[in-house]
């Protein structure tokens, strides 16, 4: 059964995979999401001590694994020793995934990959590494969006690699009392993706006037989704894509 969308262009994005029912940012979560009728798979990337790109939301492994430590202070080999299913009391075994493994998996499907780069200032070369991996795997550039809360990182990457699609994440903490400068963001990005609580008609009209699309995070109930759709968002990032709309 397919998801019922408000219109054909509306996008449903699986946040960290199908993360309500599987350990987030693991192969189990990604495989489950890719098997659904979603449009995009959202992932988070950090870089290990030895330069491997890995999928994890936090900059430490403390919350979601049976180990401890910062990603940038651990090698990939060290990370492979831990089980990344600690969160939400999952009892399965789940290893950390590399970006290479994610690209290999995603090439089997037709979904777009929404890549969030976490704390890029911690990893000076991470943008170039991501682009290099995409080229190595010959992953279609029209199926990739790179986004971050760090606007300067996205701007610089877009200047270096202008043919990719980019997004800027907008936090509630920074923009609760003001709106982003949409005209500046539109010079280098295609998407402006805010915390859903920041969405109002003014936000949408100003973003759309600059040609920016809006996919708020993290929308986990149908009533909120309906309100956002009525206001005119272009998609929703959600932990429960299979539940957010009636199947």
Protein backbone atom coordinates (compact mmCIF):
# COMPACT_ATOMS: atom_id res chain seq x y z
CA UNK A 1 0.00 0.00 0.00
CA UNK A 2 1.18 3.47 -0.80
CA UNK A 3 1.26 6.54 1.39
CA UNK A 4 -1.50 9.02 0.72
CA UNK A 5 0.13 12.37 -0.07
CA UNK A 6 -1.53 15.79 -0.32
CA UNK A 7 0.03 16.16 -3.78
CA UNK A 8 2.49 14.34 -6.04
CA UNK A 9 5.36 16.69 -5.23
CA UNK A 10 5.06 16.26 -1.46
CA UNK A 11 8.01 14.37 0.05
CA UNK A 12 8.01 11.90 2.93
CA UNK A 13 11.43 11.60 4.55
CA UNK A 14 12.40 8.77 6.92
CA UNK A 15 14.41 10.32 9.78
CA UNK A 16 17.43 8.13 10.65
CA UNK A 17 15.69 5.30 8.83
CA UNK A 18 12.60 3.61 10.24
CA UNK A 19 13.86 4.62 13.67
CA UNK A 20 10.80 4.01 15.81
CA UNK A 21 10.94 0.28 15.19
CA UNK A 22 14.68 -0.23 14.61
CA UNK A 23 17.93 1.14 16.07
CA UNK A 24 18.44 4.54 14.45
CA UNK A 25 21.00 5.01 11.67
CA UNK A 26 21.65 1.27 11.37
CA UNK A 27 21.22 -1.10 8.46
CA UNK A 28 18.06 -2.47 10.05
CA UNK A 29 16.49 1.00 10.16
CA UNK A 30 17.66 1.96 6.67
CA UNK A 31 16.59 -1.29 5.03
CA UNK A 32 13.16 -1.05 6.65
CA UNK A 33 12.72 2.55 5.49
CA UNK A 34 13.91 1.93 1.96
CA UNK A 35 11.37 -0.88 1.68
CA UNK A 36 8.57 1.60 2.43
CA UNK A 37 7.03 4.04 -0.04
CA UNK A 38 9.12 6.94 1.22
CA UNK A 39 10.78 9.55 -0.98
CA UNK A 40 13.95 10.20 0.99
CA UNK A 41 16.15 8.53 3.57
CA UNK A 42 17.72 10.93 6.08
CA UNK A 43 21.10 9.95 7.56
CA UNK A 44 23.65 11.59 9.87
CA UNK A 45 27.40 11.50 9.22
CA UNK A 46 30.43 11.92 11.45
CA UNK A 47 34.09 11.03 10.84
CA UNK A 48 36.22 8.59 12.82
CA UNK A 49 39.77 9.09 14.09
CA UNK A 50 41.11 7.27 11.03
CA UNK A 51 38.97 9.21 8.55
CA UNK A 52 36.03 6.85 7.97
CA UNK A 53 32.59 8.36 7.41
CA UNK A 54 30.05 6.69 9.70
CA UNK A 55 26.33 7.04 10.31
CA UNK A 56 25.46 8.25 13.79
CA UNK A 57 23.50 11.21 15.13
CA UNK A 58 25.53 12.10 18.23
CA UNK A 59 29.22 12.99 18.30
CA UNK A 60 29.70 10.30 20.95
CA UNK A 61 28.58 6.68 21.06
CA UNK A 62 27.41 6.84 24.69
CA UNK A 63 23.65 7.11 24.11
CA UNK A 64 23.10 4.48 21.47
CA UNK A 65 25.81 1.86 21.98
CA UNK A 66 27.27 -0.29 24.73
CA UNK A 67 30.50 1.69 24.52
CA UNK A 68 31.67 5.20 25.31
CA UNK A 69 33.74 7.85 23.59
CA UNK A 70 33.77 10.51 20.90
CA UNK A 71 33.51 9.44 17.25
CA UNK A 72 36.51 11.56 16.30
CA UNK A 73 38.58 9.84 18.99
CA UNK A 74 37.80 6.26 17.91
CA UNK A 75 38.89 4.25 14.89
CA UNK A 76 36.43 2.39 12.70
CA UNK A 77 37.85 -0.90 13.96
CA UNK A 78 37.18 0.16 17.55
CA UNK A 79 33.63 1.21 16.69
CA UNK A 80 32.93 -2.15 15.04
CA UNK A 81 33.30 -3.82 18.45
CA UNK A 82 30.21 -2.13 19.88
CA UNK A 83 26.49 -2.83 19.55
CA UNK A 84 24.58 0.24 18.33
CA UNK A 85 21.09 -0.83 19.44
CA UNK A 86 21.13 0.41 23.01
CA UNK A 87 18.53 3.16 22.51
CA UNK A 88 14.85 2.42 23.11
CA UNK A 89 15.73 -0.98 24.61
CA UNK A 90 16.25 -2.76 21.30
CA UNK A 91 17.67 -6.25 21.81
CA UNK A 92 19.11 -6.87 18.34
CA UNK A 93 22.74 -6.69 17.30
CA UNK A 94 23.51 -3.66 15.15
CA UNK A 95 26.89 -2.45 13.93
CA UNK A 96 27.74 1.10 12.98
CA UNK A 97 27.43 1.67 9.23
CA UNK A 98 29.99 3.35 7.01
CA UNK A 99 28.98 5.78 4.29
CA UNK A 100 30.33 3.31 1.73
CA UNK A 101 27.95 0.65 3.04
CA UNK A 102 25.03 3.08 2.97
CA UNK A 103 25.69 4.07 -0.63
CA UNK A 104 25.94 0.42 -1.67
CA UNK A 105 22.59 -0.27 0.01
CA UNK A 106 20.84 2.83 -1.35
CA UNK A 107 21.89 2.18 -4.94
CA UNK A 108 19.54 -0.81 -4.88
CA UNK A 109 16.59 1.56 -4.41
CA UNK A 110 15.32 4.72 -6.08
CA UNK A 111 15.10 6.91 -2.99
CA UNK A 112 16.84 10.24 -2.50
CA UNK A 113 19.53 10.37 0.18
CA UNK A 114 19.25 13.33 2.56
CA UNK A 115 22.67 13.59 4.22
CA UNK A 116 23.02 15.65 7.38
CA UNK A 117 26.62 16.57 8.15
CA UNK A 118 26.96 16.78 11.92
CA UNK A 119 29.37 19.33 13.43
CA UNK A 120 31.50 19.78 10.29
CA UNK A 121 33.94 22.02 12.16
CA UNK A 122 35.08 18.89 14.01
CA UNK A 123 36.03 17.29 10.69
CA UNK A 124 37.74 19.83 8.38
CA UNK A 125 37.78 17.51 5.35
CA UNK A 126 34.35 15.93 5.68
CA UNK A 127 32.70 17.76 2.78
CA UNK A 128 35.35 16.70 0.28
CA UNK A 129 35.21 13.14 1.64
CA UNK A 130 31.47 12.93 1.08
CA UNK A 131 31.76 14.18 -2.49
CA UNK A 132 34.61 11.76 -3.16
CA UNK A 133 32.57 8.81 -1.89
CA UNK A 134 29.56 9.80 -4.00
CA UNK A 135 31.77 9.92 -7.08
CA UNK A 136 33.45 6.61 -6.25
CA UNK A 137 30.09 4.86 -5.99
CA UNK A 138 28.74 6.70 -9.04
CA UNK A 139 25.73 7.65 -6.95
CA UNK A 140 23.29 9.81 -8.97
CA UNK A 141 23.69 13.44 -7.92
CA UNK A 142 19.99 14.10 -8.52
CA UNK A 143 19.29 11.68 -5.66
CA UNK A 144 21.44 13.46 -3.07
CA UNK A 145 20.82 16.45 -0.81
CA UNK A 146 23.52 17.55 1.63
CA UNK A 147 22.34 19.57 4.61
CA UNK A 148 23.68 20.95 7.89
CA UNK A 149 22.89 23.42 10.65
CA UNK A 150 26.26 24.99 9.80
CA UNK A 151 25.31 27.45 7.06
CA UNK A 152 28.88 28.50 6.32
CA UNK A 153 29.83 24.87 5.71
CA UNK A 154 26.99 24.40 3.22
CA UNK A 155 27.79 27.70 1.51
CA UNK A 156 31.47 26.83 1.06
CA UNK A 157 30.69 23.32 -0.15
CA UNK A 158 28.16 24.68 -2.65
CA UNK A 159 30.76 27.12 -3.99
CA UNK A 160 33.24 24.26 -4.45
CA UNK A 161 30.74 21.69 -5.78
CA UNK A 162 27.89 23.73 -7.31
CA UNK A 163 26.16 20.85 -9.09
CA UNK A 164 24.90 19.20 -5.88
CA UNK A 165 21.63 19.97 -4.05
CA UNK A 166 21.95 21.55 -0.61
CA UNK A 167 19.81 22.30 2.41
CA UNK A 168 20.12 24.43 5.53
CA UNK A 169 18.68 23.18 8.81
CA UNK A 170 17.05 25.82 10.99
CA UNK A 171 17.02 25.32 14.76
CA UNK A 172 14.35 26.53 17.17
CA UNK A 173 16.99 27.78 19.60
CA UNK A 174 18.61 30.14 17.07
CA UNK A 175 15.52 31.27 15.14
CA UNK A 176 12.69 31.36 17.66
CA UNK A 177 12.68 35.18 17.70
CA UNK A 178 13.78 35.85 14.13
CA UNK A 179 13.49 34.29 10.70
CA UNK A 180 16.41 33.22 8.51
CA UNK A 181 17.71 35.45 5.74
CA UNK A 182 16.05 33.46 2.98
CA UNK A 183 17.50 35.54 0.16
CA UNK A 184 21.06 34.72 1.28
CA UNK A 185 20.36 31.02 1.80
CA UNK A 186 18.77 30.79 -1.66
CA UNK A 187 22.08 31.82 -3.24
CA UNK A 188 23.61 28.42 -2.42
CA UNK A 189 20.87 26.11 -1.13
CA UNK A 190 17.69 24.54 -2.48
CA UNK A 191 16.04 23.68 0.85
CA UNK A 192 15.49 25.41 4.16
CA UNK A 193 14.46 22.73 6.68
CA UNK A 194 13.34 24.08 10.07
CA UNK A 195 12.18 22.67 13.35
CA UNK A 196 8.46 22.22 12.63
CA UNK A 197 7.53 24.58 15.48
CA UNK A 198 9.06 27.49 13.52
CA UNK A 199 6.66 27.04 10.62
CA UNK A 200 4.07 29.72 9.97
CA UNK A 201 2.57 31.25 6.84
CA UNK A 202 5.12 34.06 6.79
CA UNK A 203 8.02 31.60 6.96
CA UNK A 204 6.59 29.60 4.07
CA UNK A 205 5.73 32.56 1.86
CA UNK A 206 9.15 34.17 2.32
CA UNK A 207 11.03 30.91 1.67
CA UNK A 208 8.95 30.02 -1.37
CA UNK A 209 9.37 33.54 -2.74
CA UNK A 210 13.11 32.84 -2.90
CA UNK A 211 12.59 29.44 -4.57
CA UNK A 212 13.43 27.46 -1.43
CA UNK A 213 11.60 24.26 -0.55
CA UNK A 214 10.66 23.50 3.05
CA UNK A 215 10.84 20.09 4.76
CA UNK A 216 10.43 20.53 8.53
CA UNK A 217 11.71 18.12 11.18
CA UNK A 218 10.73 16.03 13.17
CA UNK A 219 7.00 15.57 12.50
CA UNK A 220 5.72 12.58 14.45
CA UNK A 221 1.95 12.95 14.62
CA UNK A 222 -0.70 13.21 11.94
CA UNK A 223 -2.41 16.32 13.31
CA UNK A 224 0.83 18.31 13.16
CA UNK A 225 1.48 16.94 9.68
CA UNK A 226 -1.98 18.05 8.49
CA UNK A 227 -1.48 21.59 9.82
CA UNK A 228 1.89 21.87 8.10
CA UNK A 229 0.47 20.53 4.84
CA UNK A 230 -2.34 23.10 4.98
CA UNK A 231 0.27 25.85 5.40
CA UNK A 232 2.11 24.59 2.32
CA UNK A 233 5.28 22.74 3.32
CA UNK A 234 6.96 20.63 0.63
CA UNK A 235 7.52 17.55 2.77
CA UNK A 236 8.04 16.27 6.31
CA UNK A 237 10.96 14.58 8.04
CA UNK A 238 9.54 11.95 10.38
CA UNK A 239 10.44 8.95 12.55
CA UNK A 240 7.19 7.24 11.55
CA UNK A 241 6.70 7.62 7.78
CA UNK A 242 4.55 4.51 7.67
CA UNK A 243 2.17 5.97 10.28
CA UNK A 244 2.15 9.71 9.60
CA UNK A 245 -0.49 9.34 6.91
CA UNK A 246 -3.24 6.78 6.52
CA UNK A 247 -2.08 3.81 4.47
